[in-house]
Amino acid sequence: MQRVYAVVKEEIVHLIDDRANVTGITRSQWISKAIESFLQIPVDDEITKGDDKVTSGDDRIAQEVTAFEMIRTDLDVIFHSGQ
């Protein structure tokens, strides 16, 4: 995998950190998922392999779907506001 660097506003970093904490992933993982989501690239199944428990799996899927919808909305705002 390659590393990608970008300069972003401090408030965006705080927003990313908040969203990453909600989903229980690292900032780097969140940014990677955000890029994949924005580019509509299928998400790697490695992250969901351990979620075979029905009771907790359904809740986690719902959280991830909500998180990805927030990611897409945030990226749309960021990229369409000319920043």
N, C-alpha and C. Protein backbone atom coordinates (compact mmCIF):
# COMPACT_ATOMS: atom_id res chain seq x y z
N MET A 1 0.83 -1.18 0.00
CA MET A 1 0.00 0.00 0.00
C MET A 1 0.88 1.25 0.00
N GLN A 2 0.37 2.28 -0.61
CA GLN A 2 1.07 3.56 -0.66
C GLN A 2 0.50 4.50 0.38
N ARG A 3 1.34 5.39 0.88
CA ARG A 3 0.87 6.44 1.79
C ARG A 3 0.58 7.68 0.95
N VAL A 4 -0.48 8.39 1.35
CA VAL A 4 -0.87 9.62 0.67
C VAL A 4 -0.92 10.71 1.74
N TYR A 5 -0.35 11.87 1.42
CA TYR A 5 -0.33 12.98 2.37
C TYR A 5 -1.14 14.14 1.83
N ALA A 6 -1.80 14.85 2.74
CA ALA A 6 -2.57 16.02 2.34
C ALA A 6 -2.60 17.00 3.51
N VAL A 7 -2.71 18.26 3.18
CA VAL A 7 -2.86 19.30 4.19
C VAL A 7 -4.35 19.60 4.29
N VAL A 8 -4.89 19.51 5.52
CA VAL A 8 -6.31 19.79 5.74
C VAL A 8 -6.45 20.75 6.91
N LYS A 9 -7.59 21.42 6.94
CA LYS A 9 -7.87 22.35 8.04
C LYS A 9 -8.00 21.57 9.35
N GLU A 10 -7.65 22.24 10.44
CA GLU A 10 -7.66 21.59 11.74
C GLU A 10 -9.04 21.07 12.12
N GLU A 11 -10.09 21.83 11.77
CA GLU A 11 -11.44 21.39 12.12
C GLU A 11 -11.82 20.10 11.38
N ILE A 12 -11.26 19.90 10.19
CA ILE A 12 -11.52 18.66 9.46
C ILE A 12 -10.84 17.49 10.16
N VAL A 13 -9.64 17.72 10.68
CA VAL A 13 -8.94 16.66 11.41
C VAL A 13 -9.76 16.25 12.63
N HIS A 14 -10.32 17.23 13.35
CA HIS A 14 -11.14 16.91 14.52
C HIS A 14 -12.39 16.13 14.10
N LEU A 15 -13.00 16.52 12.99
CA LEU A 15 -14.18 15.82 12.48
C LEU A 15 -13.83 14.37 12.12
N ILE A 16 -12.71 14.19 11.44
CA ILE A 16 -12.25 12.85 11.07
C ILE A 16 -12.02 12.01 12.32
N ASP A 17 -11.33 12.59 13.31
CA ASP A 17 -11.05 11.86 14.54
C ASP A 17 -12.34 11.45 15.24
N ASP A 18 -13.32 12.35 15.28
CA ASP A 18 -14.61 12.03 15.90
C ASP A 18 -15.29 10.88 15.18
N ARG A 19 -15.31 10.94 13.86
CA ARG A 19 -15.98 9.89 13.08
C ARG A 19 -15.23 8.56 13.20
N ALA A 20 -13.91 8.62 13.23
CA ALA A 20 -13.11 7.39 13.38
C ALA A 20 -13.38 6.76 14.75
N ASN A 21 -13.46 7.58 15.79
CA ASN A 21 -13.74 7.06 17.13
C ASN A 21 -15.11 6.40 17.20
N VAL A 22 -16.09 7.00 16.54
CA VAL A 22 -17.44 6.43 16.54
C VAL A 22 -17.45 5.04 15.91
N THR A 23 -16.68 4.88 14.84
CA THR A 23 -16.67 3.59 14.15
C THR A 23 -15.63 2.62 14.71
N GLY A 24 -14.79 3.09 15.65
CA GLY A 24 -13.81 2.21 16.27
C GLY A 24 -12.63 1.86 15.39
N ILE A 25 -12.27 2.77 14.48
CA ILE A 25 -11.13 2.54 13.61
C ILE A 25 -10.15 3.70 13.76
N THR A 26 -8.97 3.56 13.19
CA THR A 26 -7.96 4.61 13.27
C THR A 26 -8.26 5.72 12.26
N ARG A 27 -7.61 6.86 12.47
CA ARG A 27 -7.75 7.97 11.53
C ARG A 27 -7.34 7.53 10.12
N SER A 28 -6.24 6.82 10.03
CA SER A 28 -5.75 6.35 8.73
C SER A 28 -6.76 5.44 8.04
N GLN A 29 -7.34 4.51 8.79
CA GLN A 29 -8.35 3.61 8.23
C GLN A 29 -9.58 4.40 7.78
N TRP A 30 -9.99 5.39 8.58
CA TRP A 30 -11.16 6.20 8.23
C TRP A 30 -10.92 6.96 6.93
N ILE A 31 -9.75 7.57 6.82
CA ILE A 31 -9.43 8.33 5.61
C ILE A 31 -9.39 7.41 4.40
N SER A 32 -8.81 6.23 4.56
CA SER A 32 -8.78 5.26 3.46
C SER A 32 -10.19 4.88 3.03
N LYS A 33 -11.06 4.61 4.01
CA LYS A 33 -12.45 4.25 3.70
C LYS A 33 -13.18 5.42 3.05
N ALA A 34 -12.88 6.64 3.51
CA ALA A 34 -13.52 7.83 2.94
C ALA A 34 -13.16 7.98 1.47
N ILE A 35 -11.89 7.77 1.14
CA ILE A 35 -11.46 7.87 -0.25
C ILE A 35 -12.12 6.78 -1.08
N GLU A 36 -12.13 5.54 -0.56
CA GLU A 36 -12.77 4.44 -1.28
C GLU A 36 -14.26 4.72 -1.50
N SER A 37 -14.91 5.26 -0.47
CA SER A 37 -16.33 5.57 -0.57
C SER A 37 -16.56 6.68 -1.59
N PHE A 38 -15.75 7.70 -1.54
CA PHE A 38 -15.90 8.82 -2.46
C PHE A 38 -15.69 8.37 -3.90
N LEU A 39 -14.72 7.50 -4.11
CA LEU A 39 -14.43 6.99 -5.46
C LEU A 39 -15.31 5.80 -5.82
N GLN A 40 -16.16 5.38 -4.89
CA GLN A 40 -17.07 4.24 -5.06
C GLN A 40 -16.33 2.95 -5.38
N ILE A 41 -15.23 2.73 -4.65
CA ILE A 41 -14.45 1.51 -4.78
C ILE A 41 -14.98 0.52 -3.75
N PRO A 42 -15.21 -0.75 -4.13
CA PRO A 42 -15.70 -1.73 -3.15
C PRO A 42 -14.77 -1.80 -1.94
N VAL A 43 -15.36 -1.88 -0.75
CA VAL A 43 -14.60 -1.92 0.49
C VAL A 43 -14.00 -3.30 0.69
N ASP A 44 -12.77 -3.35 1.21
CA ASP A 44 -12.08 -4.60 1.49
C ASP A 44 -12.83 -5.37 2.57
N ASP A 45 -13.05 -6.66 2.35
CA ASP A 45 -13.80 -7.49 3.29
C ASP A 45 -13.00 -7.85 4.54
N GLU A 46 -11.70 -7.56 4.58
CA GLU A 46 -10.87 -7.89 5.74
C GLU A 46 -11.45 -7.30 7.02
N ILE A 47 -12.01 -6.12 6.94
CA ILE A 47 -12.49 -5.43 8.13
C ILE A 47 -13.71 -6.11 8.71
N THR A 48 -14.52 -6.73 7.89
CA THR A 48 -15.77 -7.32 8.38
C THR A 48 -15.67 -8.82 8.65
N LYS A 49 -14.53 -9.45 8.44
CA LYS A 49 -14.41 -10.90 8.62
C LYS A 49 -14.71 -11.35 10.05
N GLY A 50 -14.39 -10.54 11.04
CA GLY A 50 -14.60 -10.94 12.43
C GLY A 50 -16.00 -10.69 12.94
N ASP A 51 -16.87 -10.17 12.14
CA ASP A 51 -18.21 -9.78 12.59
C ASP A 51 -19.28 -10.83 12.25
N ASP A 52 -19.01 -12.08 12.57
CA ASP A 52 -19.97 -13.13 12.25
C ASP A 52 -21.04 -13.32 13.32
N LYS A 53 -20.90 -12.67 14.46
CA LYS A 53 -21.90 -12.78 15.52
C LYS A 53 -23.13 -11.99 15.10
N VAL A 54 -24.26 -12.64 15.04
CA VAL A 54 -25.48 -12.00 14.54
C VAL A 54 -25.89 -10.81 15.40
N THR A 55 -25.86 -10.96 16.71
CA THR A 55 -26.35 -9.89 17.57
C THR A 55 -25.50 -8.64 17.48
N SER A 56 -24.20 -8.77 17.56
CA SER A 56 -23.35 -7.59 17.50
C SER A 56 -23.05 -7.20 16.06
N GLY A 57 -23.11 -8.16 15.16
CA GLY A 57 -22.81 -7.88 13.75
C GLY A 57 -23.81 -6.92 13.12
N ASP A 58 -25.09 -7.11 13.41
CA ASP A 58 -26.11 -6.24 12.85
C ASP A 58 -25.94 -4.80 13.32
N ASP A 59 -25.64 -4.63 14.60
CA ASP A 59 -25.43 -3.29 15.15
C ASP A 59 -24.21 -2.64 14.51
N ARG A 60 -23.16 -3.39 14.37
CA ARG A 60 -21.93 -2.83 13.79
C ARG A 60 -22.14 -2.44 12.33
N ILE A 61 -22.86 -3.28 11.59
CA ILE A 61 -23.14 -2.96 10.18
C ILE A 61 -23.93 -1.67 10.09
N ALA A 62 -24.93 -1.54 10.94
CA ALA A 62 -25.74 -0.31 10.94
C ALA A 62 -24.88 0.90 11.26
N GLN A 63 -23.97 0.77 12.23
CA GLN A 63 -23.06 1.86 12.57
C GLN A 63 -22.14 2.20 11.41
N GLU A 64 -21.61 1.18 10.74
CA GLU A 64 -20.71 1.42 9.62
C GLU A 64 -21.43 2.07 8.45
N VAL A 65 -22.65 1.63 8.17
CA VAL A 65 -23.42 2.24 7.09
C VAL A 65 -23.67 3.71 7.40
N THR A 66 -24.06 4.00 8.63
CA THR A 66 -24.29 5.38 9.04
C THR A 66 -22.99 6.18 8.93
N ALA A 67 -21.88 5.60 9.37
CA ALA A 67 -20.59 6.28 9.31
C ALA A 67 -20.19 6.56 7.86
N PHE A 68 -20.39 5.60 6.98
CA PHE A 68 -20.03 5.81 5.58
C PHE A 68 -20.92 6.85 4.92
N GLU A 69 -22.19 6.90 5.32
CA GLU A 69 -23.07 7.94 4.79
C GLU A 69 -22.59 9.31 5.26
N MET A 70 -22.13 9.41 6.51
CA MET A 70 -21.59 10.67 7.01
C MET A 70 -20.30 11.03 6.28
N ILE A 71 -19.46 10.02 6.01
CA ILE A 71 -18.22 10.25 5.27
C ILE A 71 -18.53 10.83 3.90
N ARG A 72 -19.44 10.19 3.19
CA ARG A 72 -19.78 10.65 1.83
C ARG A 72 -20.33 12.08 1.88
N THR A 73 -21.20 12.38 2.85
CA THR A 73 -21.75 13.72 2.98
C THR A 73 -20.64 14.73 3.28
N ASP A 74 -19.77 14.38 4.21
CA ASP A 74 -18.65 15.28 4.55
C ASP A 74 -17.76 15.54 3.34
N LEU A 75 -17.44 14.48 2.61
CA LEU A 75 -16.57 14.65 1.44
C LEU A 75 -17.25 15.45 0.35
N ASP A 76 -18.54 15.23 0.15
CA ASP A 76 -19.28 16.03 -0.83
C ASP A 76 -19.21 17.50 -0.48
N VAL A 77 -19.42 17.81 0.80
CA VAL A 77 -19.37 19.21 1.25
C VAL A 77 -17.97 19.78 1.03
N ILE A 78 -16.95 19.02 1.44
CA ILE A 78 -15.57 19.49 1.32
C ILE A 78 -15.19 19.72 -0.14
N PHE A 79 -15.46 18.74 -0.99
CA PHE A 79 -15.02 18.84 -2.38
C PHE A 79 -15.87 19.80 -3.21
N HIS A 80 -17.12 19.99 -2.86
CA HIS A 80 -17.98 20.86 -3.64
C HIS A 80 -18.00 22.29 -3.12
N SER A 81 -17.34 22.53 -1.98
CA SER A 81 -17.27 23.90 -1.46
C SER A 81 -16.02 24.62 -1.94
N GLY A 82 -15.21 23.94 -2.77
CA GLY A 82 -14.02 24.55 -3.35
C GLY A 82 -12.83 24.58 -2.42
N GLN A 83 -12.85 23.77 -1.38
CA GLN A 83 -11.75 23.75 -0.43
C GLN A 83 -10.71 22.75 -0.85
